[in-house]
Amino acid sequence: MKIVIYISGLLGILFIISCSEPNAEDILKKSYEKCQSIENGYYEMTSYMKYMSNNDTTSSSYTCYFKKLADDSIYSAAFHYQHYYEGEYAKDVLYTGDDFVNYSRKDSTGEIMSKSLWANDIKSYSHNYKFYSPLTTIKSNPLPNDSAFIDNKHVFEYIGEDLINNISCYHVKMNTSPDNDSTDLMQILRIENNFWISKKDYIPIQYSVEYDILMNGDTMYQFSKDVLTKYELNNLNEEEENLNLSSIPSYISLKDYKPQKSPELLSTDTFAPDWTLVSLNDETLKLSDLKGSLVLIDFFYKSCYPCMLALPALQDLHEQYYDKGLRVIGINPYDTKEKNDIDVFLKNRGITYTVLLDGKDVANEYHVSSYPTIYIIDKEGKILHTQVGYGAGLEKEFEKIITQNL
């Protein structure tokens, strides 16, 4: 009898211990509800980013006043933030709900865009601006909402407790099953979100997302982490908001926004400007050296997604038509072997055609403003064809031009 009592008592203790562990889904639901209740506030954050095509992790910091705008068609909130990149002041950005302003306290200049005139332009630039999203967005992204807990695509796990900026936090992990189309050249292998939720008020003090991505046979890793270093919520009055045009310092000279017009590419049937550049193999090459060959020039850079999509097709053209007189040349204006490992990046993708570096001046001379930009130049040095961007099927168009002119 004593043995039975002892065993049953032990099972009872184990049951109590197992039941006492916080539930990951409950923590995230409470955090979501808390963030949904936020209407305005001030915060300071640090953001870390490692893009899939780069090795280095960069850091930026922000101070931000915000007020949610339930019915705004562009942003979820009016905001005024200061951006610091690697510790150095970069710029101020203000959105009132009616006007969008970029300005610099360094040179005392800025630009103002009226929403009534330039709503589409303001929206097209919105991905360039960074926020602590759980606090500022209507959907409190990237916190999961109710549908995430029943769709069978998300797995939640309670990791434990961590101290973040001296705040005791629940650490919760969420794994998401990627939606991949078998025809996509880029396949997402893993998506992992981590949240550190304050035990006191359920504000997410830190969150991160990690991706493993397979593209052109190369596995890449992307990571971002945002950390809340200070916050005051639902207590701003009109004097503290800094969300109107009067908050801009009087010494800032604002100019009305004027859309930038991309320069037209060089005309076909004109001679392509000559250039001299150094290859990945430290060999010097001139365009004039290639006279007598059909030349396809691809202006690209490493972190440009459409550029990456074009690489396999250009490699195929190189392999198929090199012996018949085609020379495929990649010109990269930005990446270096030392900082960006562009040589390793291309090797992992099986790129064997000539790639030239330090091509910014050449890109300007060829009026390149978007990437990739492709020129096809005939055997005499005249421009046959130009193309901005890359999409599936363009290689067939290139192949037709190539076979007609070899």
Protein backbone atom coordinates (compact mmCIF):
# COMPACT_ATOMS: atom_id res chain seq x y z
CA MET A 1 0.00 0.00 0.00
CA LYS A 2 2.81 2.38 0.82
CA ILE A 3 4.42 1.71 -2.55
CA VAL A 4 1.16 2.49 -4.36
CA ILE A 5 0.72 5.70 -2.39
CA TYR A 6 4.32 6.73 -3.11
CA ILE A 7 3.98 6.09 -6.86
CA SER A 8 0.66 7.88 -7.11
CA GLY A 9 2.11 10.82 -5.18
CA LEU A 10 5.08 11.00 -7.54
CA LEU A 11 2.78 10.93 -10.57
CA GLY A 12 0.78 13.74 -9.02
CA ILE A 13 3.90 15.88 -8.61
CA LEU A 14 4.95 15.23 -12.19
CA PHE A 15 1.46 16.16 -13.37
CA ILE A 16 1.57 19.45 -11.46
CA ILE A 17 5.04 20.26 -12.85
CA SER A 18 3.97 19.50 -16.42
CA CYS A 19 0.84 21.60 -16.06
CA SER A 20 2.74 24.52 -14.55
CA GLU A 21 4.82 25.12 -17.72
CA PRO A 22 3.49 28.13 -19.64
CA ASN A 23 1.64 27.39 -22.86
CA ALA A 24 3.22 28.88 -25.98
CA GLU A 25 -0.07 29.52 -27.75
CA ASP A 26 -1.61 31.23 -24.71
CA ILE A 27 1.42 33.54 -24.38
CA LEU A 28 1.25 34.56 -28.03
CA LYS A 29 -2.52 35.11 -27.89
CA LYS A 30 -2.17 37.38 -24.85
CA SER A 31 0.66 39.28 -26.53
CA TYR A 32 -1.43 39.73 -29.67
CA GLU A 33 -4.39 41.03 -27.64
CA LYS A 34 -2.12 43.43 -25.79
CA CYS A 35 -0.61 44.81 -29.00
CA GLN A 36 -4.07 45.12 -30.54
CA SER A 37 -5.05 47.38 -27.63
CA ILE A 38 -2.25 49.86 -28.36
CA GLU A 39 -3.34 53.12 -30.03
CA ASN A 40 -0.23 55.28 -29.81
CA GLY A 41 3.17 55.47 -28.22
CA TYR A 42 6.88 56.09 -28.34
CA TYR A 43 9.59 53.47 -28.67
CA GLU A 44 13.28 52.99 -29.28
CA MET A 45 14.45 49.90 -31.12
CA THR A 46 17.53 48.27 -32.62
CA SER A 47 17.21 46.19 -35.76
CA TYR A 48 19.69 43.59 -37.01
CA MET A 49 19.61 42.25 -40.56
CA LYS A 50 21.55 39.63 -42.49
CA TYR A 51 20.35 39.30 -46.07
CA MET A 52 20.55 35.92 -47.78
CA SER A 53 23.09 37.17 -50.31
CA ASN A 54 25.41 38.85 -47.78
CA ASN A 55 27.65 37.53 -45.04
CA ASP A 56 27.61 40.56 -42.76
CA THR A 57 24.89 41.53 -40.31
CA THR A 58 24.03 45.23 -40.27
CA SER A 59 22.41 47.16 -37.44
CA SER A 60 20.13 50.18 -37.39
CA SER A 61 18.40 51.94 -34.54
CA TYR A 62 15.24 54.03 -34.46
CA THR A 63 13.34 56.37 -32.18
CA CYS A 64 9.68 56.60 -33.13
CA TYR A 65 6.44 58.34 -32.17
CA PHE A 66 3.34 56.73 -33.66
CA LYS A 67 -0.46 56.78 -33.65
CA LYS A 68 -2.46 54.03 -35.34
CA LEU A 69 -4.65 54.97 -38.31
CA ALA A 70 -7.36 52.37 -38.72
CA ASP A 71 -8.52 53.39 -42.19
CA ASP A 72 -5.29 54.61 -43.80
CA SER A 73 -4.64 53.14 -47.25
CA ILE A 74 -0.82 53.31 -47.04
CA TYR A 75 0.45 52.89 -43.48
CA SER A 76 -1.12 51.46 -40.35
CA ALA A 77 0.01 54.47 -38.35
CA ALA A 78 1.07 58.07 -38.49
CA PHE A 79 4.69 58.20 -37.38
CA HIS A 80 7.78 60.29 -36.93
CA TYR A 81 11.05 58.47 -36.54
CA GLN A 82 14.76 59.08 -36.60
CA HIS A 83 16.95 56.45 -38.20
CA TYR A 84 20.56 55.71 -37.18
CA TYR A 85 22.66 53.33 -39.27
CA GLU A 86 25.60 51.64 -37.55
CA GLY A 87 25.38 54.33 -34.86
CA GLU A 88 25.37 57.32 -37.24
CA TYR A 89 22.34 59.55 -37.79
CA ALA A 90 20.78 58.86 -41.19
CA LYS A 91 17.48 60.75 -41.53
CA ASP A 92 14.06 61.71 -40.18
CA VAL A 93 10.87 60.30 -41.67
CA LEU A 94 7.42 61.75 -40.93
CA TYR A 95 4.00 60.61 -42.07
CA THR A 96 1.03 62.61 -40.82
CA GLY A 97 -1.67 60.70 -42.67
CA ASP A 98 -1.84 63.55 -45.19
CA ASP A 99 1.82 64.24 -45.98
CA PHE A 100 5.00 62.18 -46.17
CA VAL A 101 8.34 63.88 -45.42
CA ASN A 102 11.96 62.74 -45.63
CA TYR A 103 14.57 65.13 -44.28
CA SER A 104 18.11 65.27 -42.98
CA ARG A 105 19.30 67.28 -39.99
CA LYS A 106 22.82 67.00 -41.42
CA ASP A 107 22.30 69.07 -44.55
CA SER A 108 19.02 70.76 -43.46
CA THR A 109 17.15 69.63 -46.58
CA GLY A 110 14.11 67.47 -47.18
CA GLU A 111 11.30 66.49 -49.49
CA ILE A 112 7.56 66.56 -48.90
CA MET A 113 4.96 64.43 -50.68
CA SER A 114 1.26 65.23 -50.47
CA LYS A 115 -0.86 62.10 -50.14
CA SER A 116 -3.60 63.71 -52.22
CA LEU A 117 -1.15 63.97 -55.13
CA TRP A 118 1.31 61.13 -54.64
CA ALA A 119 -0.45 58.32 -52.75
CA ASN A 120 0.76 55.63 -55.18
CA ASP A 121 4.35 56.86 -55.01
CA ILE A 122 4.29 56.98 -51.19
CA LYS A 123 2.95 53.42 -51.15
CA SER A 124 5.57 52.18 -53.62
CA TYR A 125 8.33 53.35 -51.26
CA SER A 126 6.74 52.00 -48.07
CA HIS A 127 8.83 48.81 -48.00
CA ASN A 128 11.93 50.96 -47.45
CA TYR A 129 10.87 52.01 -43.95
CA LYS A 130 11.28 50.01 -40.79
CA PHE A 131 9.01 49.84 -37.71
CA TYR A 132 8.54 47.80 -34.57
CA SER A 133 5.61 46.08 -36.25
CA PRO A 134 3.82 44.42 -33.30
CA LEU A 135 3.17 47.89 -31.89
CA THR A 136 2.49 49.91 -35.04
CA THR A 137 0.62 47.67 -37.51
CA ILE A 138 -3.12 47.03 -37.45
CA LYS A 139 -2.52 43.25 -37.53
CA SER A 140 0.35 43.38 -35.00
CA ASN A 141 2.66 41.51 -37.38
CA PRO A 142 4.51 39.18 -37.08
CA LEU A 143 2.57 37.94 -34.04
CA PRO A 144 0.22 35.15 -35.13
CA ASN A 145 -3.52 35.81 -35.17
CA ASP A 146 -6.31 33.31 -34.44
CA SER A 147 -6.14 31.59 -37.83
CA ALA A 148 -2.50 30.61 -37.28
CA PHE A 149 -3.49 28.40 -34.35
CA ILE A 150 -5.87 26.25 -36.40
CA ASP A 151 -4.33 26.08 -39.89
CA ASN A 152 -1.91 23.19 -39.18
CA LYS A 153 0.93 25.16 -40.80
CA HIS A 154 2.33 26.51 -37.54
CA VAL A 155 4.02 24.65 -34.69
CA PHE A 156 4.48 26.46 -31.37
CA GLU A 157 6.98 25.68 -28.65
CA TYR A 158 7.66 27.22 -25.25
CA ILE A 159 11.46 27.49 -24.89
CA GLY A 160 11.86 29.01 -21.43
CA GLU A 161 12.53 32.34 -19.74
CA ASP A 162 15.17 34.86 -20.81
CA LEU A 163 16.25 38.28 -19.60
CA ILE A 164 16.09 40.87 -22.43
CA ASN A 165 17.17 44.42 -21.52
CA ASN A 166 16.65 43.52 -17.86
CA ILE A 167 13.06 42.46 -18.56
CA SER A 168 12.01 38.92 -17.71
CA CYS A 169 10.51 37.37 -20.85
CA TYR A 170 8.80 34.22 -22.03
CA HIS A 171 10.69 32.80 -25.01
CA VAL A 172 8.36 31.19 -27.56
CA LYS A 173 9.25 29.66 -30.95
CA MET A 174 6.97 29.35 -33.98
CA ASN A 175 7.88 27.20 -36.99
CA THR A 176 5.91 27.74 -40.19
CA SER A 177 5.58 25.26 -43.05
CA PRO A 178 6.67 27.12 -46.22
CA ASP A 179 4.37 27.39 -49.20
CA ASN A 180 6.55 26.44 -52.16
CA ASP A 181 5.63 26.02 -55.78
CA SER A 182 7.75 23.30 -57.34
CA THR A 183 8.32 25.56 -60.34
CA ASP A 184 9.81 28.39 -58.26
CA LEU A 185 13.56 28.82 -58.61
CA MET A 186 13.76 29.91 -54.97
CA GLN A 187 12.55 27.34 -52.46
CA ILE A 188 12.08 28.27 -48.79
CA LEU A 189 13.22 25.33 -46.68
CA ARG A 190 12.59 26.71 -43.18
CA ILE A 191 10.82 29.63 -41.50
CA GLU A 192 11.40 30.10 -37.79
CA ASN A 193 10.06 32.96 -35.66
CA ASN A 194 11.17 33.56 -32.09
CA PHE A 195 9.39 35.90 -29.67
CA TRP A 196 10.48 37.16 -26.30
CA ILE A 197 7.33 38.32 -24.50
CA SER A 198 7.45 40.42 -21.33
CA LYS A 199 6.09 38.45 -18.36
CA LYS A 200 4.82 41.69 -16.85
CA ASP A 201 2.72 43.23 -19.64
CA TYR A 202 2.96 40.77 -22.58
CA ILE A 203 4.66 43.27 -24.86
CA PRO A 204 7.08 41.49 -27.25
CA ILE A 205 10.46 42.88 -26.21
CA GLN A 206 12.30 41.10 -29.01
CA TYR A 207 11.42 39.03 -32.05
CA SER A 208 13.36 37.39 -34.85
CA VAL A 209 12.79 35.48 -38.07
CA GLU A 210 15.14 33.04 -39.82
CA TYR A 211 14.94 31.55 -43.31
CA ASP A 212 16.83 28.75 -45.01
CA ILE A 213 16.49 29.21 -48.77
CA LEU A 214 17.55 27.00 -51.67
CA MET A 215 18.23 28.74 -54.97
CA ASN A 216 20.17 27.52 -58.00
CA GLY A 217 21.59 24.67 -55.92
CA ASP A 218 22.92 27.04 -53.24
CA THR A 219 21.51 27.07 -49.69
CA MET A 220 21.36 30.55 -48.19
CA TYR A 221 20.43 31.87 -44.76
CA GLN A 222 18.58 35.09 -43.93
CA PHE A 223 18.04 36.49 -40.45
CA SER A 224 16.50 39.55 -38.84
CA LYS A 225 16.02 40.55 -35.22
CA ASP A 226 14.28 43.59 -33.72
CA VAL A 227 14.84 44.59 -30.11
CA LEU A 228 12.71 47.04 -28.14
CA THR A 229 14.98 49.09 -25.86
CA LYS A 230 12.40 51.58 -24.56
CA TYR A 231 8.67 52.08 -24.87
CA GLU A 232 5.80 54.21 -23.56
CA LEU A 233 2.35 53.23 -24.81
CA ASN A 234 -1.15 54.73 -24.93
CA ASN A 235 -0.11 57.89 -23.12
CA LEU A 236 0.77 60.43 -25.81
CA ASN A 237 -0.99 63.77 -25.84
CA GLU A 238 -1.05 66.16 -28.78
CA GLU A 239 1.98 68.09 -27.51
CA GLU A 240 4.07 64.92 -27.30
CA GLU A 241 3.03 63.27 -30.57
CA ASN A 242 5.49 65.00 -32.93
CA LEU A 243 3.22 63.76 -35.71
CA ASN A 244 2.48 66.96 -37.57
CA LEU A 245 4.43 69.21 -39.93
CA SER A 246 5.11 71.72 -37.14
CA SER A 247 7.45 69.15 -35.54
CA ILE A 248 9.95 69.63 -38.39
CA PRO A 249 12.76 72.00 -37.29
CA SER A 250 12.44 75.48 -38.76
CA TYR A 251 15.92 75.29 -40.30
CA ILE A 252 14.91 72.38 -42.59
CA SER A 253 14.35 73.49 -46.19
CA LEU A 254 11.64 71.32 -47.77
CA LYS A 255 11.13 70.88 -51.49
CA ASP A 256 8.02 69.50 -53.15
CA TYR A 257 8.41 65.96 -54.42
CA LYS A 258 9.17 65.46 -58.07
CA PRO A 259 9.17 61.92 -59.47
CA GLN A 260 12.51 60.77 -60.74
CA LYS A 261 12.55 59.84 -64.38
CA SER A 262 14.75 56.91 -65.25
CA PRO A 263 17.10 57.73 -68.13
CA GLU A 264 16.31 56.00 -71.38
CA LEU A 265 18.68 53.19 -72.29
CA LEU A 266 21.15 53.76 -75.08
CA SER A 267 19.53 53.61 -78.50
CA THR A 268 19.75 50.54 -80.66
CA ASP A 269 21.81 50.80 -83.84
CA THR A 270 24.27 53.11 -82.05
CA PHE A 271 27.78 52.11 -81.04
CA ALA A 272 28.11 50.90 -77.45
CA PRO A 273 30.58 52.96 -75.38
CA ASP A 274 33.89 51.23 -74.84
CA TRP A 275 35.00 50.32 -71.33
CA THR A 276 37.92 48.73 -69.51
CA LEU A 277 37.23 46.64 -66.42
CA VAL A 278 38.90 43.94 -64.31
CA SER A 279 37.42 40.46 -64.04
CA LEU A 280 36.97 38.15 -61.04
CA ASN A 281 40.22 36.51 -62.16
CA ASP A 282 42.04 39.88 -62.09
CA GLU A 283 42.24 40.02 -65.88
CA THR A 284 41.70 43.30 -67.72
CA LEU A 285 39.10 43.29 -70.49
CA LYS A 286 37.93 45.97 -72.93
CA LEU A 287 34.72 45.90 -74.92
CA SER A 288 36.78 46.73 -78.00
CA ASP A 289 38.72 43.49 -77.42
CA LEU A 290 35.49 41.62 -78.18
CA LYS A 291 34.94 43.08 -81.66
CA GLY A 292 34.00 40.26 -84.00
CA SER A 293 31.97 38.51 -81.29
CA LEU A 294 28.33 38.91 -80.37
CA VAL A 295 28.27 40.29 -76.82
CA LEU A 296 25.54 40.00 -74.20
CA ILE A 297 26.18 42.30 -71.22
CA ASP A 298 24.25 41.70 -68.00
CA PHE A 299 24.37 44.52 -65.42
CA PHE A 300 23.61 42.82 -62.09
CA TYR A 301 24.42 42.70 -58.40
CA LYS A 302 24.32 39.99 -55.78
CA SER A 303 21.31 40.89 -53.63
CA CYS A 304 19.02 41.62 -56.60
CA TYR A 305 16.45 38.82 -56.75
CA PRO A 306 15.57 39.20 -60.48
CA CYS A 307 19.31 39.25 -61.19
CA MET A 308 19.68 35.90 -59.44
CA LEU A 309 16.77 34.49 -61.45
CA ALA A 310 18.51 35.46 -64.70
CA LEU A 311 21.86 33.81 -63.91
CA PRO A 312 21.00 30.20 -64.88
CA ALA A 313 19.49 31.28 -68.21
CA LEU A 314 22.54 33.39 -69.06
CA GLN A 315 24.82 30.50 -68.12
CA ASP A 316 22.85 28.23 -70.46
CA LEU A 317 23.27 30.73 -73.32
CA HIS A 318 27.00 30.95 -72.57
CA GLU A 319 27.40 27.16 -72.70
CA GLN A 320 25.30 26.76 -75.84
CA TYR A 321 26.71 29.57 -77.96
CA TYR A 322 30.24 30.32 -76.72
CA ASP A 323 31.86 28.16 -79.37
CA LYS A 324 29.73 29.88 -82.03
CA GLY A 325 30.94 33.36 -81.09
CA LEU A 326 28.75 34.61 -78.20
CA ARG A 327 30.41 36.29 -75.24
CA VAL A 328 28.25 36.64 -72.12
CA ILE A 329 29.67 39.32 -69.81
CA GLY A 330 28.38 40.15 -66.34
CA ILE A 331 29.13 43.67 -65.06
CA ASN A 332 28.71 44.21 -61.33
CA PRO A 333 28.71 47.82 -60.04
CA TYR A 334 28.62 47.10 -56.30
CA ASP A 335 29.91 43.75 -55.04
CA THR A 336 33.52 42.84 -54.25
CA LYS A 337 35.32 39.60 -53.55
CA GLU A 338 36.63 40.90 -50.24
CA LYS A 339 33.38 42.19 -48.75
CA ASN A 340 30.63 40.34 -50.57
CA ASP A 341 32.23 37.02 -51.61
CA ILE A 342 30.87 37.54 -55.11
CA ASP A 343 33.29 34.93 -56.46
CA VAL A 344 31.95 32.26 -54.06
CA PHE A 345 28.38 33.32 -54.77
CA LEU A 346 28.82 32.81 -58.53
CA LYS A 347 30.83 29.60 -58.14
CA ASN A 348 28.02 28.07 -56.06
CA ARG A 349 25.67 28.77 -58.96
CA GLY A 350 27.96 27.30 -61.60
CA ILE A 351 28.55 30.60 -63.38
CA THR A 352 31.57 30.29 -65.68
CA TYR A 353 31.16 33.23 -68.05
CA THR A 354 33.24 36.38 -67.50
CA VAL A 355 32.18 38.66 -64.67
CA LEU A 356 33.67 42.15 -64.32
CA LEU A 357 33.77 44.21 -61.12
CA ASP A 358 33.73 47.90 -60.16
CA GLY A 359 31.32 48.68 -62.98
CA LYS A 360 29.44 51.64 -61.46
CA ASP A 361 30.79 54.20 -63.94
CA VAL A 362 30.05 51.88 -66.86
CA ALA A 363 26.51 51.32 -65.57
CA ASN A 364 26.00 55.08 -65.46
CA GLU A 365 27.39 55.48 -68.97
CA TYR A 366 24.93 52.83 -70.18
CA HIS A 367 22.04 54.61 -68.37
CA VAL A 368 21.38 51.68 -66.04
CA SER A 369 18.89 52.57 -63.29
CA SER A 370 17.21 49.20 -62.69
CA TYR A 371 18.61 45.69 -62.39
CA PRO A 372 19.16 43.51 -64.21
CA THR A 373 19.68 45.52 -67.39
CA ILE A 374 20.84 43.58 -70.45
CA TYR A 375 22.44 44.84 -73.66
CA ILE A 376 23.12 42.71 -76.73
CA ILE A 377 25.86 44.18 -78.95
CA ASP A 378 26.62 43.02 -82.49
CA LYS A 379 29.99 42.01 -83.92
CA GLU A 380 30.74 45.58 -85.03
CA GLY A 381 29.97 47.05 -81.62
CA LYS A 382 26.45 48.37 -82.30
CA ILE A 383 23.60 47.89 -79.84
CA LEU A 384 21.09 45.33 -81.11
CA HIS A 385 18.74 44.96 -78.15
CA THR A 386 18.13 46.28 -74.61
CA GLN A 387 16.14 44.77 -71.78
CA VAL A 388 15.30 45.96 -68.25
CA GLY A 389 14.33 43.28 -65.73
CA TYR A 390 14.04 39.54 -66.19
CA GLY A 391 11.11 37.15 -66.44
CA ALA A 392 10.58 33.57 -67.48
CA GLY A 393 10.74 33.18 -71.25
CA LEU A 394 13.05 36.09 -71.97
CA GLU A 395 15.90 33.67 -72.69
CA LYS A 396 13.96 32.48 -75.76
CA GLU A 397 13.81 36.05 -77.02
CA PHE A 398 17.56 36.42 -76.40
CA GLU A 399 18.24 33.12 -78.15
CA LYS A 400 16.31 34.26 -81.23
CA ILE A 401 18.37 37.45 -81.44
CA ILE A 402 21.59 35.51 -80.86
CA THR A 403 20.96 32.91 -83.58
CA GLN A 404 20.02 35.63 -86.07
CA ASN A 405 23.21 37.59 -85.48
CA LEU A 406 26.00 35.05 -84.93
